[in-house]
Amino acid sequence: MLTRYTGMTAKKQSYLFTFGFVLTVLGMGLTDLWLPMVVGAILMAALMVESWVRVAHIIPLHKELRSLQQQLDKLQHENRSQE
């Protein structure tokens, strides 16, 4: 969605976006600045959901694919050496 800040892990970014979302929703209830807060809440909700999906599904999928690729390379190497 946005360019990732490389100084933080994906999990820390998810916590940061969740904290930002909670603060935005809290600010909606405590202030009269409804329109900017609603826009901020929508943006923070999108960032929060995207980051948690990345942490829960995409990163483990990449790790699994990397592992499967290594196993495939190993099996191909063994197959070539037997021929």
PDB file of N, CA and C in Angstrom:
ATOM      1  N   MET A   1       0.840  -1.186   0.000  1.00  0.00           N
ATOM      2  CA  MET A   1       0.000   0.000   0.000  1.00  0.00           C
ATOM      3  C   MET A   1       0.885   1.250   0.000  1.00  0.00           C
ATOM      4  N   LEU A   2       1.685   1.419   0.987  1.00  0.00           N
ATOM      5  CA  LEU A   2       2.645   2.513   1.017  1.00  0.00           C
ATOM      6  C   LEU A   2       4.044   1.925   1.077  1.00  0.00           C
ATOM      7  N   THR A   3       5.042   2.738   0.834  1.00  0.00           N
ATOM      8  CA  THR A   3       6.417   2.260   0.914  1.00  0.00           C
ATOM      9  C   THR A   3       6.736   1.865   2.343  1.00  0.00           C
ATOM     10  N   ARG A   4       7.322   0.703   2.505  1.00  0.00           N
ATOM     11  CA  ARG A   4       7.621   0.186   3.843  1.00  0.00           C
ATOM     12  C   ARG A   4       8.821   0.908   4.448  1.00  0.00           C
ATOM     13  N   TYR A   5       8.707   1.216   5.719  1.00  0.00           N
ATOM     14  CA  TYR A   5       9.834   1.754   6.472  1.00  0.00           C
ATOM     15  C   TYR A   5      10.714   0.573   6.832  1.00  0.00           C
ATOM     16  N   THR A   6      11.940   0.559   6.345  1.00  0.00           N
ATOM     17  CA  THR A   6      12.790  -0.615   6.501  1.00  0.00           C
ATOM     18  C   THR A   6      13.429  -0.727   7.887  1.00  0.00           C
ATOM     19  N   GLY A   7      13.303   0.290   8.707  1.00  0.00           N
ATOM     20  CA  GLY A   7      13.897   0.241  10.035  1.00  0.00           C
ATOM     21  C   GLY A   7      13.051  -0.519  11.049  1.00  0.00           C
ATOM     22  N   MET A   8      11.862  -0.951  10.655  1.00  0.00           N
ATOM     23  CA  MET A   8      10.955  -1.666  11.553  1.00  0.00           C
ATOM     24  C   MET A   8      10.593  -3.018  10.954  1.00  0.00           C
ATOM     25  N   THR A   9      10.341  -3.951  11.829  1.00  0.00           N
ATOM     26  CA  THR A   9       9.845  -5.239  11.348  1.00  0.00           C
ATOM     27  C   THR A   9       8.370  -5.094  10.985  1.00  0.00           C
ATOM     28  N   ALA A  10       7.876  -6.057  10.230  1.00  0.00           N
ATOM     29  CA  ALA A  10       6.471  -6.007   9.807  1.00  0.00           C
ATOM     30  C   ALA A  10       5.534  -6.091  11.003  1.00  0.00           C
ATOM     31  N   LYS A  11       5.912  -6.881  12.000  1.00  0.00           N
ATOM     32  CA  LYS A  11       5.055  -7.026  13.182  1.00  0.00           C
ATOM     33  C   LYS A  11       4.989  -5.721  13.981  1.00  0.00           C
ATOM     34  N   LYS A  12       6.123  -5.037  14.099  1.00  0.00           N
ATOM     35  CA  LYS A  12       6.126  -3.756  14.814  1.00  0.00           C
ATOM     36  C   LYS A  12       5.313  -2.712  14.059  1.00  0.00           C
ATOM     37  N   GLN A  13       5.364  -2.756  12.726  1.00  0.00           N
ATOM     38  CA  GLN A  13       4.540  -1.844  11.945  1.00  0.00           C
ATOM     39  C   GLN A  13       3.061  -2.112  12.189  1.00  0.00           C
ATOM     40  N   SER A  14       2.686  -3.385  12.299  1.00  0.00           N
ATOM     41  CA  SER A  14       1.283  -3.719  12.549  1.00  0.00           C
ATOM     42  C   SER A  14       0.833  -3.167  13.889  1.00  0.00           C
ATOM     43  N   TYR A  15       1.681  -3.311  14.901  1.00  0.00           N
ATOM     44  CA  TYR A  15       1.336  -2.760  16.213  1.00  0.00           C
ATOM     45  C   TYR A  15       1.227  -1.237  16.150  1.00  0.00           C
ATOM     46  N   LEU A  16       2.130  -0.605  15.417  1.00  0.00           N
ATOM     47  CA  LEU A  16       2.105   0.846  15.286  1.00  0.00           C
ATOM     48  C   LEU A  16       0.820   1.309  14.601  1.00  0.00           C
ATOM     49  N   PHE A  17       0.432   0.649  13.517  1.00  0.00           N
ATOM     50  CA  PHE A  17      -0.790   1.033  12.809  1.00  0.00           C
ATOM     51  C   PHE A  17      -2.022   0.764  13.666  1.00  0.00           C
ATOM     52  N   THR A  18      -2.014  -0.317  14.427  1.00  0.00           N
ATOM     53  CA  THR A  18      -3.146  -0.606  15.314  1.00  0.00           C
ATOM     54  C   THR A  18      -3.258   0.465  16.398  1.00  0.00           C
ATOM     55  N   PHE A  19      -2.130   0.844  16.976  1.00  0.00           N
ATOM     56  CA  PHE A  19      -2.111   1.898  17.984  1.00  0.00           C
ATOM     57  C   PHE A  19      -2.601   3.219  17.390  1.00  0.00           C
ATOM     58  N   GLY A  20      -2.159   3.534  16.181  1.00  0.00           N
ATOM     59  CA  GLY A  20      -2.612   4.749  15.507  1.00  0.00           C
ATOM     60  C   GLY A  20      -4.109   4.732  15.241  1.00  0.00           C
ATOM     61  N   PHE A  21      -4.637   3.567  14.872  1.00  0.00           N
ATOM     62  CA  PHE A  21      -6.069   3.432  14.628  1.00  0.00           C
ATOM     63  C   PHE A  21      -6.858   3.655  15.919  1.00  0.00           C
ATOM     64  N   VAL A  22      -6.383   3.060  17.011  1.00  0.00           N
ATOM     65  CA  VAL A  22      -7.066   3.228  18.304  1.00  0.00           C
ATOM     66  C   VAL A  22      -7.045   4.696  18.719  1.00  0.00           C
ATOM     67  N   LEU A  23      -5.916   5.359  18.546  1.00  0.00           N
ATOM     68  CA  LEU A  23      -5.840   6.790  18.888  1.00  0.00           C
ATOM     69  C   LEU A  23      -6.770   7.621  18.018  1.00  0.00           C
ATOM     70  N   THR A  24      -6.871   7.285  16.751  1.00  0.00           N
ATOM     71  CA  THR A  24      -7.757   8.025  15.847  1.00  0.00           C
ATOM     72  C   THR A  24      -9.215   7.848  16.238  1.00  0.00           C
ATOM     73  N   VAL A  25      -9.603   6.611  16.550  1.00  0.00           N
ATOM     74  CA  VAL A  25     -10.987   6.367  16.969  1.00  0.00           C
ATOM     75  C   VAL A  25     -11.269   7.074  18.289  1.00  0.00           C
ATOM     76  N   LEU A  26     -10.313   7.063  19.199  1.00  0.00           N
ATOM     77  CA  LEU A  26     -10.463   7.775  20.458  1.00  0.00           C
ATOM     78  C   LEU A  26     -10.603   9.275  20.215  1.00  0.00           C
ATOM     79  N   GLY A  27      -9.804   9.802  19.300  1.00  0.00           N
ATOM     80  CA  GLY A  27      -9.894  11.214  18.964  1.00  0.00           C
ATOM     81  C   GLY A  27     -11.225  11.576  18.328  1.00  0.00           C
ATOM     82  N   MET A  28     -11.805  10.652  17.573  1.00  0.00           N
ATOM     83  CA  MET A  28     -13.125  10.904  16.977  1.00  0.00           C
ATOM     84  C   MET A  28     -14.170  11.101  18.074  1.00  0.00           C
ATOM     85  N   GLY A  29     -14.052  10.336  19.129  1.00  0.00           N
ATOM     86  CA  GLY A  29     -15.022  10.440  20.204  1.00  0.00           C
ATOM     87  C   GLY A  29     -14.814  11.638  21.109  1.00  0.00           C
ATOM     88  N   LEU A  30     -13.589  12.126  21.176  1.00  0.00           N
ATOM     89  CA  LEU A  30     -13.281  13.192  22.128  1.00  0.00           C
ATOM     90  C   LEU A  30     -13.224  14.594  21.523  1.00  0.00           C
ATOM     91  N   THR A  31     -13.207  14.696  20.204  1.00  0.00           N
ATOM     92  CA  THR A  31     -13.081  16.022  19.591  1.00  0.00           C
ATOM     93  C   THR A  31     -14.241  16.288  18.640  1.00  0.00           C
ATOM     94  N   ASP A  32     -14.284  17.517  18.160  1.00  0.00           N
ATOM     95  CA  ASP A  32     -15.303  17.913  17.191  1.00  0.00           C
ATOM     96  C   ASP A  32     -14.768  17.871  15.762  1.00  0.00           C
ATOM     97  N   LEU A  33     -13.567  17.368  15.572  1.00  0.00           N
ATOM     98  CA  LEU A  33     -12.955  17.317  14.240  1.00  0.00           C
ATOM     99  C   LEU A  33     -13.331  16.005  13.542  1.00  0.00           C
ATOM    100  N   TRP A  34     -14.604  15.813  13.297  1.00  0.00           N
ATOM    101  CA  TRP A  34     -15.075  14.537  12.800  1.00  0.00           C
ATOM    102  C   TRP A  34     -14.581  14.203  11.409  1.00  0.00           C
ATOM    103  N   LEU A  35     -14.663  15.127  10.463  1.00  0.00           N
ATOM    104  CA  LEU A  35     -14.298  14.810   9.086  1.00  0.00           C
ATOM    105  C   LEU A  35     -12.829  14.416   8.948  1.00  0.00           C
ATOM    106  N   PRO A  36     -11.877  15.182   9.481  1.00  0.00           N
ATOM    107  CA  PRO A  36     -10.486  14.739   9.368  1.00  0.00           C
ATOM    108  C   PRO A  36     -10.223  13.428  10.117  1.00  0.00           C
ATOM    109  N   MET A  37     -10.904  13.229  11.228  1.00  0.00           N
ATOM    110  CA  MET A  37     -10.693  12.007  12.006  1.00  0.00           C
ATOM    111  C   MET A  37     -11.265  10.793  11.279  1.00  0.00           C
ATOM    112  N   VAL A  38     -12.386  10.960  10.593  1.00  0.00           N
ATOM    113  CA  VAL A  38     -12.960   9.846   9.835  1.00  0.00           C
ATOM    114  C   VAL A  38     -12.027   9.457   8.698  1.00  0.00           C
ATOM    115  N   VAL A  39     -11.497  10.446   8.000  1.00  0.00           N
ATOM    116  CA  VAL A  39     -10.536  10.167   6.925  1.00  0.00           C
ATOM    117  C   VAL A  39      -9.306   9.467   7.503  1.00  0.00           C
ATOM    118  N   GLY A  40      -8.809   9.949   8.621  1.00  0.00           N
ATOM    119  CA  GLY A  40      -7.663   9.316   9.270  1.00  0.00           C
ATOM    120  C   GLY A  40      -7.978   7.910   9.737  1.00  0.00           C
ATOM    121  N   ALA A  41      -9.170   7.690  10.257  1.00  0.00           N
ATOM    122  CA  ALA A  41      -9.547   6.358  10.720  1.00  0.00           C
ATOM    123  C   ALA A  41      -9.647   5.383   9.558  1.00  0.00           C
ATOM    124  N   ILE A  42     -10.172   5.844   8.434  1.00  0.00           N
ATOM    125  CA  ILE A  42     -10.256   4.965   7.259  1.00  0.00           C
ATOM    126  C   ILE A  42      -8.857   4.611   6.763  1.00  0.00           C
ATOM    127  N   LEU A  43      -7.982   5.593   6.692  1.00  0.00           N
ATOM    128  CA  LEU A  43      -6.615   5.345   6.264  1.00  0.00           C
ATOM    129  C   LEU A  43      -5.897   4.403   7.232  1.00  0.00           C
ATOM    130  N   MET A  44      -6.012   4.657   8.523  1.00  0.00           N
ATOM    131  CA  MET A  44      -5.344   3.804   9.514  1.00  0.00           C
ATOM    132  C   MET A  44      -5.921   2.392   9.515  1.00  0.00           C
ATOM    133  N   ALA A  45      -7.230   2.260   9.311  1.00  0.00           N
ATOM    134  CA  ALA A  45      -7.836   0.926   9.251  1.00  0.00           C
ATOM    135  C   ALA A  45      -7.290   0.150   8.060  1.00  0.00           C
ATOM    136  N   ALA A  46      -7.157   0.825   6.916  1.00  0.00           N
ATOM    137  CA  ALA A  46      -6.605   0.155   5.738  1.00  0.00           C
ATOM    138  C   ALA A  46      -5.163  -0.276   5.973  1.00  0.00           C
ATOM    139  N   LEU A  47      -4.358   0.604   6.549  1.00  0.00           N
ATOM    140  CA  LEU A  47      -2.962   0.257   6.844  1.00  0.00           C
ATOM    141  C   LEU A  47      -2.874  -0.876   7.854  1.00  0.00           C
ATOM    142  N   MET A  48      -3.741  -0.832   8.864  1.00  0.00           N
ATOM    143  CA  MET A  48      -3.729  -1.856   9.910  1.00  0.00           C
ATOM    144  C   MET A  48      -4.094  -3.219   9.334  1.00  0.00           C
ATOM    145  N   VAL A  49      -5.169  -3.285   8.564  1.00  0.00           N
ATOM    146  CA  VAL A  49      -5.603  -4.568   7.993  1.00  0.00           C
ATOM    147  C   VAL A  49      -4.545  -5.108   7.041  1.00  0.00           C
ATOM    148  N   GLU A  50      -4.000  -4.235   6.186  1.00  0.00           N
ATOM    149  CA  GLU A  50      -2.985  -4.676   5.233  1.00  0.00           C
ATOM    150  C   GLU A  50      -1.734  -5.197   5.945  1.00  0.00           C
ATOM    151  N   SER A  51      -1.331  -4.533   7.008  1.00  0.00           N
ATOM    152  CA  SER A  51      -0.125  -4.972   7.712  1.00  0.00           C
ATOM    153  C   SER A  51      -0.349  -6.281   8.463  1.00  0.00           C
ATOM    154  N   TRP A  52      -1.539  -6.465   9.051  1.00  0.00           N
ATOM    155  CA  TRP A  52      -1.795  -7.723   9.760  1.00  0.00           C
ATOM    156  C   TRP A  52      -1.945  -8.890   8.788  1.00  0.00           C
ATOM    157  N   VAL A  53      -2.521  -8.637   7.601  1.00  0.00           N
ATOM    158  CA  VAL A  53      -2.600  -9.692   6.584  1.00  0.00           C
ATOM    159  C   VAL A  53      -1.191 -10.078   6.139  1.00  0.00           C
ATOM    160  N   ARG A  54      -0.326  -9.074   5.984  1.00  0.00           N
ATOM    161  CA  ARG A  54       1.053  -9.342   5.592  1.00  0.00           C
ATOM    162  C   ARG A  54       1.763 -10.182   6.648  1.00  0.00           C
ATOM    163  N   VAL A  55       1.571  -9.840   7.918  1.00  0.00           N
ATOM    164  CA  VAL A  55       2.237 -10.575   8.998  1.00  0.00           C
ATOM    165  C   VAL A  55       1.679 -11.994   9.130  1.00  0.00           C
ATOM    166  N   ALA A  56       0.360 -12.134   9.011  1.00  0.00           N
ATOM    167  CA  ALA A  56      -0.272 -13.434   9.269  1.00  0.00           C
ATOM    168  C   ALA A  56      -0.206 -14.381   8.082  1.00  0.00           C
ATOM    169  N   HIS A  57      -0.178 -13.857   6.852  1.00  0.00           N
ATOM    170  CA  HIS A  57      -0.293 -14.744   5.703  1.00  0.00           C
ATOM    171  C   HIS A  57       0.833 -14.610   4.682  1.00  0.00           C
ATOM    172  N   ILE A  58       1.159 -13.398   4.282  1.00  0.00           N
ATOM    173  CA  ILE A  58       2.087 -13.217   3.172  1.00  0.00           C
ATOM    174  C   ILE A  58       3.519 -13.578   3.553  1.00  0.00           C
ATOM    175  N   ILE A  59       3.991 -13.122   4.689  1.00  0.00           N
ATOM    176  CA  ILE A  59       5.368 -13.421   5.098  1.00  0.00           C
ATOM    177  C   ILE A  59       5.566 -14.918   5.339  1.00  0.00           C
ATOM    178  N   PRO A  60       4.650 -15.614   6.055  1.00  0.00           N
ATOM    179  CA  PRO A  60       4.820 -17.071   6.175  1.00  0.00           C
ATOM    180  C   PRO A  60       4.754 -17.795   4.821  1.00  0.00           C
ATOM    181  N   LEU A  61       3.944 -17.288   3.898  1.00  0.00           N
ATOM    182  CA  LEU A  61       3.861 -17.894   2.572  1.00  0.00           C
ATOM    183  C   LEU A  61       5.190 -17.758   1.839  1.00  0.00           C
ATOM    184  N   HIS A  62       5.824 -16.590   1.921  1.00  0.00           N
ATOM    185  CA  HIS A  62       7.124 -16.402   1.283  1.00  0.00           C
ATOM    186  C   HIS A  62       8.171 -17.334   1.883  1.00  0.00           C
ATOM    187  N   LYS A  63       8.139 -17.505   3.197  1.00  0.00           N
ATOM    188  CA  LYS A  63       9.087 -18.416   3.847  1.00  0.00           C
ATOM    189  C   LYS A  63       8.869 -19.849   3.381  1.00  0.00           C
ATOM    190  N   GLU A  64       7.606 -20.257   3.272  1.00  0.00           N
ATOM    191  CA  GLU A  64       7.292 -21.607   2.822  1.00  0.00           C
ATOM    192  C   GLU A  64       7.715 -21.814   1.368  1.00  0.00           C
ATOM    193  N   LEU A  65       7.474 -20.824   0.526  1.00  0.00           N
ATOM    194  CA  LEU A  65       7.894 -20.927  -0.870  1.00  0.00           C
ATOM    195  C   LEU A  65       9.415 -20.999  -0.992  1.00  0.00           C
ATOM    196  N   ARG A  66      10.123 -20.232  -0.183  1.00  0.00           N
ATOM    197  CA  ARG A  66      11.586 -20.276  -0.192  1.00  0.00           C
ATOM    198  C   ARG A  66      12.081 -21.660   0.229  1.00  0.00           C
ATOM    199  N   SER A  67      11.447 -22.228   1.249  1.00  0.00           N
ATOM    200  CA  SER A  67      11.812 -23.565   1.710  1.00  0.00           C
ATOM    201  C   SER A  67      11.534 -24.609   0.627  1.00  0.00           C
ATOM    202  N   LEU A  68      10.388 -24.517  -0.019  1.00  0.00           N
ATOM    203  CA  LEU A  68      10.059 -25.466  -1.087  1.00  0.00           C
ATOM    204  C   LEU A  68      11.015 -25.329  -2.265  1.00  0.00           C
ATOM    205  N   GLN A  69      11.415 -24.100  -2.591  1.00  0.00           N
ATOM    206  CA  GLN A  69      12.367 -23.891  -3.680  1.00  0.00           C
ATOM    207  C   GLN A  69      13.722 -24.506  -3.344  1.00  0.00           C
ATOM    208  N   GLN A  70      14.154 -24.392  -2.097  1.00  0.00           N
ATOM    209  CA  GLN A  70      15.412 -25.007  -1.684  1.00  0.00           C
ATOM    210  C   GLN A  70      15.333 -26.521  -1.766  1.00  0.00           C
ATOM    211  N   GLN A  71      14.211 -27.098  -1.349  1.00  0.00           N
ATOM    212  CA  GLN A  71      14.040 -28.549  -1.445  1.00  0.00           C
ATOM    213  C   GLN A  71      14.037 -29.003  -2.896  1.00  0.00           C
ATOM    214  N   LEU A  72      13.376 -28.251  -3.761  1.00  0.00           N
ATOM    215  CA  LEU A  72      13.338 -28.587  -5.175  1.00  0.00           C
ATOM    216  C   LEU A  72      14.727 -28.519  -5.789  1.00  0.00           C
ATOM    217  N   ASP A  73      15.487 -27.476  -5.459  1.00  0.00           N
ATOM    218  CA  ASP A  73      16.854 -27.356  -5.969  1.00  0.00           C
ATOM    219  C   ASP A  73      17.712 -28.527  -5.500  1.00  0.00           C
ATOM    220  N   LYS A  74      17.545 -28.912  -4.242  1.00  0.00           N
ATOM    221  CA  LYS A  74      18.314 -30.043  -3.697  1.00  0.00           C
ATOM    222  C   LYS A  74      17.956 -31.339  -4.430  1.00  0.00           C
ATOM    223  N   LEU A  75      16.671 -31.572  -4.654  1.00  0.00           N
ATOM    224  CA  LEU A  75      16.244 -32.780  -5.359  1.00  0.00           C
ATOM    225  C   LEU A  75      16.720 -32.787  -6.805  1.00  0.00           C
ATOM    226  N   GLN A  76      16.704 -31.646  -7.467  1.00  0.00           N
ATOM    227  CA  GLN A  76      17.198 -31.572  -8.837  1.00  0.00           C
ATOM    228  C   GLN A  76      18.692 -31.835  -8.887  1.00  0.00           C
ATOM    229  N   HIS A  77      19.417 -31.315  -7.919  1.00  0.00           N
ATOM    230  CA  HIS A  77      20.861 -31.552  -7.866  1.00  0.00           C
ATOM    231  C   HIS A  77      21.150 -33.043  -7.642  1.00  0.00           C
ATOM    232  N   GLU A  78      20.407 -33.686  -6.744  1.00  0.00           N
ATOM    233  CA  GLU A  78      20.583 -35.119  -6.501  1.00  0.00           C
ATOM    234  C   GLU A  78      20.232 -35.929  -7.742  1.00  0.00           C
ATOM    235  N   ASN A  79      19.211 -35.521  -8.448  1.00  0.00           N
ATOM    236  CA  ASN A  79      18.783 -36.227  -9.651  1.00  0.00           C
ATOM    237  C   ASN A  79      19.854 -36.117 -10.741  1.00  0.00           C
ATOM    238  N   ARG A  80      20.452 -34.949 -10.895  1.00  0.00           N
ATOM    239  CA  ARG A  80      21.509 -34.759 -11.883  1.00  0.00           C
ATOM    240  C   ARG A  80      22.762 -35.558 -11.538  1.00  0.00           C
ATOM    241  N   SER A  81      23.057 -35.631 -10.250  1.00  0.00           N
ATOM    242  CA  SER A  81      24.269 -36.358  -9.839  1.00  0.00           C
ATOM    243  C   SER A  81      24.105 -37.862 -10.005  1.00  0.00           C
ATOM    244  N   GLN A  82      22.876 -38.370  -9.961  1.00  0.00           N
ATOM    245  CA  GLN A  82      22.633 -39.801 -10.134  1.00  0.00           C
ATOM    246  C   GLN A  82      22.663 -40.196 -11.614  1.00  0.00           C
ATOM    247  N   GLU A  83      22.432 -39.256 -12.501  1.00  0.00           N
ATOM    248  CA  GLU A  83      22.399 -39.580 -13.933  1.00  0.00           C
ATOM    249  C   GLU A  83      23.737 -39.739 -14.526  1.00  0.00           C
TER     250      GLU A  83
END
